[in-house]
Amino acid sequence: MEKKVKQALALIRSASKHHGLLEVAYSGGKDSDVILALVKMAGVPYVAIHKNTTIDPPGTLAYVRKKGVEIRNPQKGFFKLIEEKGYSRQGRRICCDNLKEYPTENFAVVEGIRKEESTKRKKLYYEPIVCRTGGGVSILPILEWTLADLAEFIRLYKIELHPLYRTDNGYDLKRRLGCLGCPLAYYKQRLRHFVQYPRLAERCIKSGQIYIDTHPQSDKAKTFKDAKEWFAVDLFCGAMDYEDALKYKAECVAVIDLILNGELTEKEINNRKFLKNYVRK
């Protein structure tokens, strides 16, 4: 652990020497709390910025403010983007560019990316300094850290984490605090969020209906009778081919109705036969 901390601090100090003021990309999650602590330990000038996605987990903005991090609000929130452009899904991203990946300052940005988090990240990130699209660089001081490394650092340096990580026995670091109902997440993860927060599903459907009503000549308006049907099919196309999902419109909508009525449980979603039981009957 000591060696990894020293390497991280050396990288941060070197980046500051070459690029000046550093930006800490702060989400409110465990990785961003660790990189914020490392930047403070490095003793370099920095500004920590949280980009409000407007669909962050409950308590995130209050926690970010408590940490003294600056909050940047997007020009258009998540639901406004749906109203104007429709739903995001795999292969059709409308939210990340507008809510998370827009440039803030011309700084080198310190990010809490770790290879261990996904196969995709292992393929994308090889070095701890990465050139960013549009200029600047990303500094990745914990790129090679494991979850066990994070846990040890958090314990050793008594790092406070977001309340949603808390359990009766401390912190559960396996939890993820990404955007609620993220359109790019696995469909079961999205379903869990909608079961927890059914009003989120209601708001998505309401915004989708505004899109359909204001774009009557669009493919979506011609394919679906309403936004609930569109929302349901888009949700399940993460589990099956889009054309297959279209064949099960009624079944997909029935699952959404269960969510809106509070009749679907997380236990049922976790069942291996979920699709067979609820959709492919």
C-alpha atoms as a PDB file:
ATOM      1  CA  MET A   1       0.000   0.000   0.000  1.00  0.00           C
ATOM      2  CA  GLU A   2       2.763   2.419   0.942  1.00  0.00           C
ATOM      3  CA  LYS A   3       4.425   1.935  -2.457  1.00  0.00           C
ATOM      4  CA  LYS A   4       1.197   2.555  -4.364  1.00  0.00           C
ATOM      5  CA  VAL A   5       0.470   5.705  -2.359  1.00  0.00           C
ATOM      6  CA  LYS A   6       3.967   7.053  -3.036  1.00  0.00           C
ATOM      7  CA  GLN A   7       3.592   6.351  -6.764  1.00  0.00           C
ATOM      8  CA  ALA A   8       0.209   8.087  -6.836  1.00  0.00           C
ATOM      9  CA  LEU A   9       1.542  11.152  -5.026  1.00  0.00           C
ATOM     10  CA  ALA A  10       4.571  11.341  -7.334  1.00  0.00           C
ATOM     11  CA  LEU A  11       2.301  11.217 -10.400  1.00  0.00           C
ATOM     12  CA  ILE A  12       0.027  13.962  -9.040  1.00  0.00           C
ATOM     13  CA  ARG A  13       2.967  16.224  -8.145  1.00  0.00           C
ATOM     14  CA  SER A  14       4.559  15.685 -11.545  1.00  0.00           C
ATOM     15  CA  ALA A  15       1.281  16.531 -13.286  1.00  0.00           C
ATOM     16  CA  SER A  16       0.946  19.700 -11.226  1.00  0.00           C
ATOM     17  CA  LYS A  17       4.502  20.729 -12.076  1.00  0.00           C
ATOM     18  CA  HIS A  18       3.838  20.386 -15.806  1.00  0.00           C
ATOM     19  CA  HIS A  19       0.212  21.517 -16.015  1.00  0.00           C
ATOM     20  CA  GLY A  20      -0.362  23.810 -13.053  1.00  0.00           C
ATOM     21  CA  LEU A  21      -3.756  23.816 -11.378  1.00  0.00           C
ATOM     22  CA  LEU A  22      -5.325  20.341 -11.390  1.00  0.00           C
ATOM     23  CA  GLU A  23      -9.013  19.516 -11.650  1.00  0.00           C
ATOM     24  CA  VAL A  24     -10.323  16.640  -9.543  1.00  0.00           C
ATOM     25  CA  ALA A  25     -13.277  14.957 -11.274  1.00  0.00           C
ATOM     26  CA  TYR A  26     -15.411  14.277  -8.220  1.00  0.00           C
ATOM     27  CA  SER A  27     -18.513  12.075  -8.509  1.00  0.00           C
ATOM     28  CA  GLY A  28     -19.121  11.490  -4.805  1.00  0.00           C
ATOM     29  CA  GLY A  29     -18.200   7.810  -5.114  1.00  0.00           C
ATOM     30  CA  LYS A  30     -15.474   5.895  -3.304  1.00  0.00           C
ATOM     31  CA  ASP A  31     -12.856   6.282  -6.048  1.00  0.00           C
ATOM     32  CA  SER A  32     -13.290  10.051  -6.218  1.00  0.00           C
ATOM     33  CA  ASP A  33     -13.021  10.297  -2.428  1.00  0.00           C
ATOM     34  CA  VAL A  34      -9.713   8.456  -2.618  1.00  0.00           C
ATOM     35  CA  ILE A  35      -8.268  10.647  -5.389  1.00  0.00           C
ATOM     36  CA  LEU A  36      -9.438  13.795  -3.584  1.00  0.00           C
ATOM     37  CA  ALA A  37      -7.580  12.614  -0.465  1.00  0.00           C
ATOM     38  CA  LEU A  38      -4.455  11.834  -2.535  1.00  0.00           C
ATOM     39  CA  VAL A  39      -4.465  15.275  -4.200  1.00  0.00           C
ATOM     40  CA  LYS A  40      -4.759  16.919  -0.790  1.00  0.00           C
ATOM     41  CA  MET A  41      -1.883  14.778   0.507  1.00  0.00           C
ATOM     42  CA  ALA A  42       0.222  15.773  -2.511  1.00  0.00           C
ATOM     43  CA  GLY A  43      -0.087  19.419  -1.469  1.00  0.00           C
ATOM     44  CA  VAL A  44      -0.687  20.734  -5.012  1.00  0.00           C
ATOM     45  CA  PRO A  45      -3.113  23.441  -6.184  1.00  0.00           C
ATOM     46  CA  TYR A  46      -6.408  21.954  -7.339  1.00  0.00           C
ATOM     47  CA  VAL A  47     -10.101  22.552  -7.842  1.00  0.00           C
ATOM     48  CA  ALA A  48     -12.574  19.697  -7.240  1.00  0.00           C
ATOM     49  CA  ILE A  49     -15.642  19.735  -9.487  1.00  0.00           C
ATOM     50  CA  HIS A  50     -18.798  17.631  -9.365  1.00  0.00           C
ATOM     51  CA  LYS A  51     -20.860  17.554 -12.557  1.00  0.00           C
ATOM     52  CA  ASN A  52     -24.491  17.288 -11.500  1.00  0.00           C
ATOM     53  CA  THR A  53     -26.157  14.744 -13.796  1.00  0.00           C
ATOM     54  CA  THR A  54     -29.586  15.546 -12.278  1.00  0.00           C
ATOM     55  CA  ILE A  55     -30.094  11.791 -11.678  1.00  0.00           C
ATOM     56  CA  ASP A  56     -27.467  11.277  -8.963  1.00  0.00           C
ATOM     57  CA  PRO A  57     -28.321   8.974  -6.033  1.00  0.00           C
ATOM     58  CA  PRO A  58     -30.198  10.601  -3.123  1.00  0.00           C
ATOM     59  CA  GLY A  59     -28.008  12.655  -0.814  1.00  0.00           C
ATOM     60  CA  THR A  60     -25.192  13.058  -3.331  1.00  0.00           C
ATOM     61  CA  LEU A  61     -25.370  16.826  -3.751  1.00  0.00           C
ATOM     62  CA  ALA A  62     -25.521  17.360   0.019  1.00  0.00           C
ATOM     63  CA  TYR A  63     -22.519  15.048   0.458  1.00  0.00           C
ATOM     64  CA  VAL A  64     -20.585  16.843  -2.301  1.00  0.00           C
ATOM     65  CA  ARG A  65     -21.207  20.204  -0.642  1.00  0.00           C
ATOM     66  CA  LYS A  66     -20.056  18.785   2.689  1.00  0.00           C
ATOM     67  CA  LYS A  67     -16.781  17.813   1.014  1.00  0.00           C
ATOM     68  CA  GLY A  68     -16.300  21.390  -0.164  1.00  0.00           C
ATOM     69  CA  VAL A  69     -16.528  20.423  -3.838  1.00  0.00           C
ATOM     70  CA  GLU A  70     -17.814  22.861  -6.470  1.00  0.00           C
ATOM     71  CA  ILE A  71     -21.025  21.745  -8.224  1.00  0.00           C
ATOM     72  CA  ARG A  72     -21.477  22.444 -11.922  1.00  0.00           C
ATOM     73  CA  ASN A  73     -25.010  22.173 -13.301  1.00  0.00           C
ATOM     74  CA  PRO A  74     -25.621  21.189 -16.942  1.00  0.00           C
ATOM     75  CA  GLN A  75     -27.290  23.508 -19.427  1.00  0.00           C
ATOM     76  CA  LYS A  76     -30.023  20.894 -19.824  1.00  0.00           C
ATOM     77  CA  GLY A  77     -30.894  18.213 -17.296  1.00  0.00           C
ATOM     78  CA  PHE A  78     -31.487  14.517 -17.998  1.00  0.00           C
ATOM     79  CA  PHE A  79     -35.263  14.775 -18.394  1.00  0.00           C
ATOM     80  CA  LYS A  80     -35.061  17.839 -20.633  1.00  0.00           C
ATOM     81  CA  LEU A  81     -32.682  15.898 -22.904  1.00  0.00           C
ATOM     82  CA  ILE A  82     -35.259  13.104 -23.162  1.00  0.00           C
ATOM     83  CA  GLU A  83     -37.951  15.628 -24.069  1.00  0.00           C
ATOM     84  CA  GLU A  84     -35.813  17.007 -26.893  1.00  0.00           C
ATOM     85  CA  LYS A  85     -33.888  13.947 -28.130  1.00  0.00           C
ATOM     86  CA  GLY A  86     -35.607  10.831 -26.834  1.00  0.00           C
ATOM     87  CA  TYR A  87     -34.182   8.016 -24.724  1.00  0.00           C
ATOM     88  CA  SER A  88     -30.521   7.055 -24.523  1.00  0.00           C
ATOM     89  CA  ARG A  89     -29.597   3.398 -24.888  1.00  0.00           C
ATOM     90  CA  GLN A  90     -26.657   1.265 -25.979  1.00  0.00           C
ATOM     91  CA  GLY A  91     -25.475   2.641 -29.311  1.00  0.00           C
ATOM     92  CA  ARG A  92     -27.423   5.874 -28.896  1.00  0.00           C
ATOM     93  CA  ARG A  93     -25.945   8.060 -26.178  1.00  0.00           C
ATOM     94  CA  ILE A  94     -27.562  11.433 -25.636  1.00  0.00           C
ATOM     95  CA  CYS A  95     -26.798  12.026 -21.964  1.00  0.00           C
ATOM     96  CA  CYS A  96     -23.097  11.489 -21.147  1.00  0.00           C
ATOM     97  CA  ASP A  97     -21.797  14.193 -23.495  1.00  0.00           C
ATOM     98  CA  ASN A  98     -24.200  16.733 -22.031  1.00  0.00           C
ATOM     99  CA  LEU A  99     -24.126  15.703 -18.376  1.00  0.00           C
ATOM    100  CA  LYS A 100     -20.666  14.268 -17.632  1.00  0.00           C
ATOM    101  CA  GLU A 101     -18.129  14.598 -20.417  1.00  0.00           C
ATOM    102  CA  TYR A 102     -18.344  18.267 -21.316  1.00  0.00           C
ATOM    103  CA  PRO A 103     -15.145  20.290 -20.692  1.00  0.00           C
ATOM    104  CA  THR A 104     -14.958  22.489 -17.592  1.00  0.00           C
ATOM    105  CA  GLU A 105     -11.536  24.106 -17.540  1.00  0.00           C
ATOM    106  CA  ASN A 106      -8.315  23.632 -19.502  1.00  0.00           C
ATOM    107  CA  PHE A 107      -6.746  21.767 -16.622  1.00  0.00           C
ATOM    108  CA  ALA A 108      -5.194  18.365 -16.319  1.00  0.00           C
ATOM    109  CA  VAL A 109      -8.007  16.292 -14.818  1.00  0.00           C
ATOM    110  CA  VAL A 110      -7.396  13.793 -12.021  1.00  0.00           C
ATOM    111  CA  GLU A 111      -9.830  10.881 -12.350  1.00  0.00           C
ATOM    112  CA  GLY A 112     -10.572   7.826 -10.209  1.00  0.00           C
ATOM    113  CA  ILE A 113     -10.502   5.291 -13.045  1.00  0.00           C
ATOM    114  CA  ARG A 114      -9.349   1.766 -12.170  1.00  0.00           C
ATOM    115  CA  LYS A 115      -8.641  -1.092 -14.586  1.00  0.00           C
ATOM    116  CA  GLU A 116     -10.191  -3.618 -12.235  1.00  0.00           C
ATOM    117  CA  GLU A 117     -13.649  -2.085 -12.623  1.00  0.00           C
ATOM    118  CA  SER A 118     -14.357  -3.564 -16.058  1.00  0.00           C
ATOM    119  CA  THR A 119     -12.918  -5.430 -19.039  1.00  0.00           C
ATOM    120  CA  LYS A 120     -13.609  -2.356 -21.162  1.00  0.00           C
ATOM    121  CA  ARG A 121     -11.439  -0.180 -18.931  1.00  0.00           C
ATOM    122  CA  LYS A 122      -8.608  -2.704 -19.054  1.00  0.00           C
ATOM    123  CA  LYS A 123      -8.627  -2.402 -22.833  1.00  0.00           C
ATOM    124  CA  LEU A 124      -8.969   1.377 -22.927  1.00  0.00           C
ATOM    125  CA  TYR A 125      -6.436   2.464 -20.307  1.00  0.00           C
ATOM    126  CA  TYR A 126      -2.805   1.380 -20.425  1.00  0.00           C
ATOM    127  CA  GLU A 127      -0.940   4.313 -18.898  1.00  0.00           C
ATOM    128  CA  PRO A 128      -1.684   6.611 -15.934  1.00  0.00           C
ATOM    129  CA  ILE A 129      -1.571   9.713 -18.174  1.00  0.00           C
ATOM    130  CA  VAL A 130      -4.011   9.855 -21.084  1.00  0.00           C
ATOM    131  CA  CYS A 131      -4.485  12.578 -23.715  1.00  0.00           C
ATOM    132  CA  ARG A 132      -8.058  13.843 -23.653  1.00  0.00           C
ATOM    133  CA  THR A 133     -10.232  14.521 -26.674  1.00  0.00           C
ATOM    134  CA  GLY A 134     -10.201  18.237 -27.342  1.00  0.00           C
ATOM    135  CA  GLY A 135      -6.972  18.849 -25.439  1.00  0.00           C
ATOM    136  CA  GLY A 136      -5.602  18.399 -21.957  1.00  0.00           C
ATOM    137  CA  VAL A 137      -4.740  15.199 -20.149  1.00  0.00           C
ATOM    138  CA  SER A 138      -6.327  12.774 -17.704  1.00  0.00           C
ATOM    139  CA  ILE A 139      -4.248  11.793 -14.672  1.00  0.00           C
ATOM    140  CA  LEU A 140      -5.128   8.345 -13.319  1.00  0.00           C
ATOM    141  CA  PRO A 141      -3.283   7.839 -10.006  1.00  0.00           C
ATOM    142  CA  ILE A 142      -5.250   4.737  -8.915  1.00  0.00           C
ATOM    143  CA  LEU A 143      -5.429   3.023 -12.314  1.00  0.00           C
ATOM    144  CA  GLU A 144      -3.711  -0.134 -11.016  1.00  0.00           C
ATOM    145  CA  TRP A 145      -5.399  -0.179  -7.606  1.00  0.00           C
ATOM    146  CA  THR A 146      -7.680  -3.041  -6.627  1.00  0.00           C
ATOM    147  CA  LEU A 147     -10.777  -2.873  -4.455  1.00  0.00           C
ATOM    148  CA  ALA A 148      -8.654  -4.301  -1.633  1.00  0.00           C
ATOM    149  CA  ASP A 149      -6.193  -1.423  -2.096  1.00  0.00           C
ATOM    150  CA  LEU A 150      -9.040   1.073  -1.827  1.00  0.00           C
ATOM    151  CA  ALA A 151     -10.345  -0.606   1.315  1.00  0.00           C
ATOM    152  CA  GLU A 152      -6.910  -0.478   2.959  1.00  0.00           C
ATOM    153  CA  PHE A 153      -6.338   3.163   2.023  1.00  0.00           C
ATOM    154  CA  ILE A 154      -9.790   4.158   3.292  1.00  0.00           C
ATOM    155  CA  ARG A 155      -9.125   2.335   6.572  1.00  0.00           C
ATOM    156  CA  LEU A 156      -5.588   3.656   7.056  1.00  0.00           C
ATOM    157  CA  TYR A 157      -6.428   7.276   6.304  1.00  0.00           C
ATOM    158  CA  LYS A 158      -9.931   7.217   7.812  1.00  0.00           C
ATOM    159  CA  ILE A 159     -11.633   8.417   4.633  1.00  0.00           C
ATOM    160  CA  GLU A 160     -15.308   9.262   4.982  1.00  0.00           C
ATOM    161  CA  LEU A 161     -17.535   7.896   2.205  1.00  0.00           C
ATOM    162  CA  HIS A 162     -21.009   8.655   0.855  1.00  0.00           C
ATOM    163  CA  PRO A 163     -23.733   7.469   3.296  1.00  0.00           C
ATOM    164  CA  LEU A 164     -25.067   5.016   0.682  1.00  0.00           C
ATOM    165  CA  TYR A 165     -21.936   2.879   1.188  1.00  0.00           C
ATOM    166  CA  ARG A 166     -22.633   2.460   4.890  1.00  0.00           C
ATOM    167  CA  THR A 167     -23.685  -0.833   6.433  1.00  0.00           C
ATOM    168  CA  ASP A 168     -24.035  -1.996  10.031  1.00  0.00           C
ATOM    169  CA  ASN A 169     -20.425  -3.228   9.816  1.00  0.00           C
ATOM    170  CA  GLY A 170     -18.793  -0.267   8.067  1.00  0.00           C
ATOM    171  CA  TYR A 171     -18.736   0.328   4.305  1.00  0.00           C
ATOM    172  CA  ASP A 172     -19.720  -1.946   1.418  1.00  0.00           C
ATOM    173  CA  LEU A 173     -17.257  -0.952  -1.303  1.00  0.00           C
ATOM    174  CA  LYS A 174     -18.834  -3.261  -3.875  1.00  0.00           C
ATOM    175  CA  ARG A 175     -21.743  -0.860  -4.211  1.00  0.00           C
ATOM    176  CA  ARG A 176     -21.774   1.463  -7.232  1.00  0.00           C
ATOM    177  CA  LEU A 177     -23.156   4.993  -7.070  1.00  0.00           C
ATOM    178  CA  GLY A 178     -23.606   5.799 -10.754  1.00  0.00           C
ATOM    179  CA  CYS A 179     -26.539   7.646 -12.304  1.00  0.00           C
ATOM    180  CA  LEU A 180     -29.908   6.225 -11.279  1.00  0.00           C
ATOM    181  CA  GLY A 181     -31.462   4.250 -14.111  1.00  0.00           C
ATOM    182  CA  CYS A 182     -28.403   4.848 -16.295  1.00  0.00           C
ATOM    183  CA  PRO A 183     -29.455   4.009 -19.882  1.00  0.00           C
ATOM    184  CA  LEU A 184     -26.064   2.421 -20.524  1.00  0.00           C
ATOM    185  CA  ALA A 185     -26.181   0.084 -17.509  1.00  0.00           C
ATOM    186  CA  TYR A 186     -27.229  -3.590 -17.592  1.00  0.00           C
ATOM    187  CA  TYR A 187     -31.020  -3.841 -17.721  1.00  0.00           C
ATOM    188  CA  LYS A 188     -31.291  -5.595 -14.331  1.00  0.00           C
ATOM    189  CA  GLN A 189     -29.378  -2.783 -12.640  1.00  0.00           C
ATOM    190  CA  ARG A 190     -31.748  -0.279 -14.216  1.00  0.00           C
ATOM    191  CA  LEU A 191     -34.748  -2.325 -13.066  1.00  0.00           C
ATOM    192  CA  ARG A 192     -33.401  -2.341  -9.496  1.00  0.00           C
ATOM    193  CA  HIS A 193     -33.166   1.440  -9.557  1.00  0.00           C
ATOM    194  CA  PHE A 194     -36.699   1.800 -10.890  1.00  0.00           C
ATOM    195  CA  VAL A 195     -38.009  -0.609  -8.243  1.00  0.00           C
ATOM    196  CA  GLN A 196     -36.302   1.523  -5.577  1.00  0.00           C
ATOM    197  CA  TYR A 197     -37.412   4.798  -7.150  1.00  0.00           C
ATOM    198  CA  PRO A 198     -40.625   4.264  -9.150  1.00  0.00           C
ATOM    199  CA  ARG A 199     -41.079   8.031  -9.523  1.00  0.00           C
ATOM    200  CA  LEU A 200     -37.890   8.021 -11.594  1.00  0.00           C
ATOM    201  CA  ALA A 201     -39.567   5.666 -14.079  1.00  0.00           C
ATOM    202  CA  GLU A 202     -42.680   7.884 -14.059  1.00  0.00           C
ATOM    203  CA  ARG A 203     -40.580  10.956 -14.834  1.00  0.00           C
ATOM    204  CA  CYS A 204     -38.746   9.184 -17.674  1.00  0.00           C
ATOM    205  CA  ILE A 205     -42.053   8.125 -19.229  1.00  0.00           C
ATOM    206  CA  LYS A 206     -43.524  11.617 -18.857  1.00  0.00           C
ATOM    207  CA  SER A 207     -40.501  13.172 -20.586  1.00  0.00           C
ATOM    208  CA  GLY A 208     -40.615  10.523 -23.319  1.00  0.00           C
ATOM    209  CA  GLN A 209     -44.255  11.332 -23.964  1.00  0.00           C
ATOM    210  CA  ILE A 210     -43.365  14.994 -24.456  1.00  0.00           C
ATOM    211  CA  TYR A 211     -40.847  13.885 -27.098  1.00  0.00           C
ATOM    212  CA  ILE A 212     -43.471  11.775 -28.913  1.00  0.00           C
ATOM    213  CA  ASP A 213     -46.071  14.553 -28.750  1.00  0.00           C
ATOM    214  CA  THR A 214     -43.634  17.111 -30.152  1.00  0.00           C
ATOM    215  CA  HIS A 215     -42.155  14.774 -32.796  1.00  0.00           C
ATOM    216  CA  PRO A 216     -45.236  13.148 -34.362  1.00  0.00           C
ATOM    217  CA  GLN A 217     -43.345  12.213 -37.545  1.00  0.00           C
ATOM    218  CA  SER A 218     -40.494  10.461 -35.719  1.00  0.00           C
ATOM    219  CA  ASP A 219     -39.876   6.714 -35.972  1.00  0.00           C
ATOM    220  CA  LYS A 220     -40.660   6.384 -32.258  1.00  0.00           C
ATOM    221  CA  ALA A 221     -44.055   8.056 -32.596  1.00  0.00           C
ATOM    222  CA  LYS A 222     -44.893   5.690 -35.460  1.00  0.00           C
ATOM    223  CA  THR A 223     -43.552   2.539 -33.740  1.00  0.00           C
ATOM    224  CA  PHE A 224     -45.012   2.944 -30.247  1.00  0.00           C
ATOM    225  CA  LYS A 225     -48.502   3.868 -29.110  1.00  0.00           C
ATOM    226  CA  ASP A 226     -47.097   5.856 -26.169  1.00  0.00           C
ATOM    227  CA  ALA A 227     -43.922   6.593 -24.200  1.00  0.00           C
ATOM    228  CA  LYS A 228     -44.522   3.806 -21.677  1.00  0.00           C
ATOM    229  CA  GLU A 229     -44.327   1.225 -24.453  1.00  0.00           C
ATOM    230  CA  TRP A 230     -41.206   2.869 -25.901  1.00  0.00           C
ATOM    231  CA  PHE A 231     -39.576   3.108 -22.456  1.00  0.00           C
ATOM    232  CA  ALA A 232     -40.348  -0.546 -21.704  1.00  0.00           C
ATOM    233  CA  VAL A 233     -38.953  -1.882 -24.998  1.00  0.00           C
ATOM    234  CA  ASP A 234     -35.814   0.285 -24.716  1.00  0.00           C
ATOM    235  CA  LEU A 235     -35.248  -1.053 -21.211  1.00  0.00           C
ATOM    236  CA  PHE A 236     -35.434  -4.696 -22.219  1.00  0.00           C
ATOM    237  CA  CYS A 237     -33.451  -4.369 -25.428  1.00  0.00           C
ATOM    238  CA  GLY A 238     -30.436  -4.524 -23.117  1.00  0.00           C
ATOM    239  CA  ALA A 239     -31.365  -8.147 -22.491  1.00  0.00           C
ATOM    240  CA  MET A 240     -32.456  -9.166 -25.981  1.00  0.00           C
ATOM    241  CA  ASP A 241     -32.231  -8.017 -29.571  1.00  0.00           C
ATOM    242  CA  TYR A 242     -34.254  -4.850 -30.279  1.00  0.00           C
ATOM    243  CA  GLU A 243     -36.409  -6.641 -32.851  1.00  0.00           C
ATOM    244  CA  ASP A 244     -37.142  -9.374 -30.311  1.00  0.00           C
ATOM    245  CA  ALA A 245     -38.061  -6.790 -27.699  1.00  0.00           C
ATOM    246  CA  LEU A 246     -40.547  -5.248 -30.134  1.00  0.00           C
ATOM    247  CA  LYS A 247     -42.336  -8.628 -30.305  1.00  0.00           C
ATOM    248  CA  TYR A 248     -42.913  -8.493 -26.545  1.00  0.00           C
ATOM    249  CA  LYS A 249     -44.212  -4.934 -26.216  1.00  0.00           C
ATOM    250  CA  ALA A 250     -47.201  -5.871 -24.058  1.00  0.00           C
ATOM    251  CA  GLU A 251     -45.133  -8.064 -21.732  1.00  0.00           C
ATOM    252  CA  CYS A 252     -42.464  -5.368 -21.353  1.00  0.00           C
ATOM    253  CA  VAL A 253     -45.135  -2.785 -20.496  1.00  0.00           C
ATOM    254  CA  ALA A 254     -46.653  -5.191 -17.962  1.00  0.00           C
ATOM    255  CA  VAL A 255     -43.331  -5.253 -16.090  1.00  0.00           C
ATOM    256  CA  ILE A 256     -43.224  -1.446 -16.058  1.00  0.00           C
ATOM    257  CA  ASP A 257     -46.752  -1.420 -14.640  1.00  0.00           C
ATOM    258  CA  LEU A 258     -45.603  -3.760 -11.869  1.00  0.00           C
ATOM    259  CA  ILE A 259     -42.827  -1.292 -11.047  1.00  0.00           C
ATOM    260  CA  LEU A 260     -45.139   1.729 -11.077  1.00  0.00           C
ATOM    261  CA  ASN A 261     -47.594  -0.102  -8.809  1.00  0.00           C
ATOM    262  CA  GLY A 262     -44.860  -1.224  -6.406  1.00  0.00           C
ATOM    263  CA  GLU A 263     -45.496  -4.911  -7.172  1.00  0.00           C
ATOM    264  CA  LEU A 264     -42.039  -5.956  -8.460  1.00  0.00           C
ATOM    265  CA  THR A 265     -39.294  -6.846  -5.986  1.00  0.00           C
ATOM    266  CA  GLU A 266     -35.530  -6.903  -6.228  1.00  0.00           C
ATOM    267  CA  LYS A 267     -35.597 -10.613  -5.366  1.00  0.00           C
ATOM    268  CA  GLU A 268     -37.679 -11.351  -8.453  1.00  0.00           C
ATOM    269  CA  ILE A 269     -35.353  -9.286 -10.670  1.00  0.00           C
ATOM    270  CA  ASN A 270     -32.354 -11.271  -9.412  1.00  0.00           C
ATOM    271  CA  ASN A 271     -34.037 -14.542 -10.380  1.00  0.00           C
ATOM    272  CA  ARG A 272     -32.174 -16.186 -13.262  1.00  0.00           C
ATOM    273  CA  LYS A 273     -35.476 -16.916 -14.987  1.00  0.00           C
ATOM    274  CA  PHE A 274     -36.674 -13.307 -14.751  1.00  0.00           C
ATOM    275  CA  LEU A 275     -37.139 -12.783 -18.493  1.00  0.00           C
ATOM    276  CA  LYS A 276     -38.817 -16.155 -18.930  1.00  0.00           C
ATOM    277  CA  ASN A 277     -41.133 -15.557 -16.015  1.00  0.00           C
ATOM    278  CA  TYR A 278     -42.157 -11.996 -16.864  1.00  0.00           C
ATOM    279  CA  VAL A 279     -41.478 -11.311 -20.523  1.00  0.00           C
ATOM    280  CA  ARG A 280     -40.888 -14.370 -22.701  1.00  0.00           C
ATOM    281  CA  LYS A 281     -43.967 -16.310 -21.654  1.00  0.00           C
END
